[in-house]
Amino acid sequence: MVTVYSYVLDTLADWELGYVTSELNSGRFFKEGQQRLSLKMVSYSTETIYTMGDLQ
């Protein structure tokens, strides 16, 4: 399985990643039988990150 990492910063604008993460997760534009992707969020800290939309 291929893993895609998204580096999340404090006050990230939520909508910036919305399009790409939803398409990577759905897999609807991948070839038939292609392996799925694993999406992981990473950060510089173990503290809770708050986006501009106040998601945690």
Protein backbone atom coordinates (compact mmCIF):
# COMPACT_ATOMS: atom_id res chain seq x y z
CA MET A 1 0.00 0.00 0.00
CA VAL A 2 1.23 3.49 -0.87
CA THR A 3 1.12 6.07 1.93
CA VAL A 4 0.57 9.77 1.30
CA TYR A 5 1.62 12.08 4.14
CA SER A 6 0.14 15.52 4.65
CA TYR A 7 2.13 17.89 6.84
CA VAL A 8 -0.33 19.86 8.97
CA LEU A 9 0.56 23.24 10.46
CA ASP A 10 -1.27 25.20 13.14
CA THR A 11 -3.94 27.47 11.60
CA LEU A 12 -3.97 25.44 8.36
CA ALA A 13 -6.81 26.50 6.07
CA ASP A 14 -9.13 23.46 6.08
CA TRP A 15 -10.25 23.83 2.48
CA GLU A 16 -6.72 23.73 1.08
CA LEU A 17 -6.49 19.95 1.49
CA GLY A 18 -10.16 19.10 1.02
CA TYR A 19 -10.13 18.46 -2.72
CA VAL A 20 -6.96 16.39 -2.89
CA THR A 21 -7.63 14.28 0.21
CA SER A 22 -11.19 13.45 -0.85
CA GLU A 23 -10.07 12.36 -4.33
CA LEU A 24 -7.12 10.32 -3.06
CA ASN A 25 -9.38 8.60 -0.54
CA SER A 26 -12.19 7.88 -3.02
CA GLY A 27 -9.87 6.42 -5.66
CA ARG A 28 -12.40 7.17 -8.41
CA PHE A 29 -9.75 8.46 -10.83
CA PHE A 30 -7.37 5.52 -10.36
CA LYS A 31 -7.11 2.69 -12.85
CA GLU A 32 -9.29 -0.37 -12.23
CA GLY A 33 -7.58 -2.73 -9.78
CA GLN A 34 -5.03 -0.13 -8.65
CA GLN A 35 -4.00 -0.41 -5.00
CA ARG A 36 -5.57 2.03 -2.56
CA LEU A 37 -3.73 4.86 -0.84
CA SER A 38 -3.31 5.35 2.88
CA LEU A 39 -3.62 8.99 3.99
CA LYS A 40 -1.72 10.08 7.10
CA MET A 41 -1.57 13.48 8.77
CA VAL A 42 1.73 14.44 10.37
CA SER A 43 2.87 17.49 12.32
CA TYR A 44 5.90 18.99 14.02
CA SER A 45 4.34 18.60 17.46
CA THR A 46 2.37 16.17 19.59
CA GLU A 47 0.18 19.09 20.70
CA THR A 48 -3.30 19.43 19.21
CA ILE A 49 -3.29 21.37 15.95
CA TYR A 50 -6.18 23.79 15.33
CA THR A 51 -7.06 24.66 11.75
CA MET A 52 -8.59 27.97 10.69
CA GLY A 53 -12.02 26.29 10.79
CA ASP A 54 -11.28 25.14 14.37
CA LEU A 55 -10.96 21.45 13.47
CA GLN A 56 -8.63 19.58 15.77
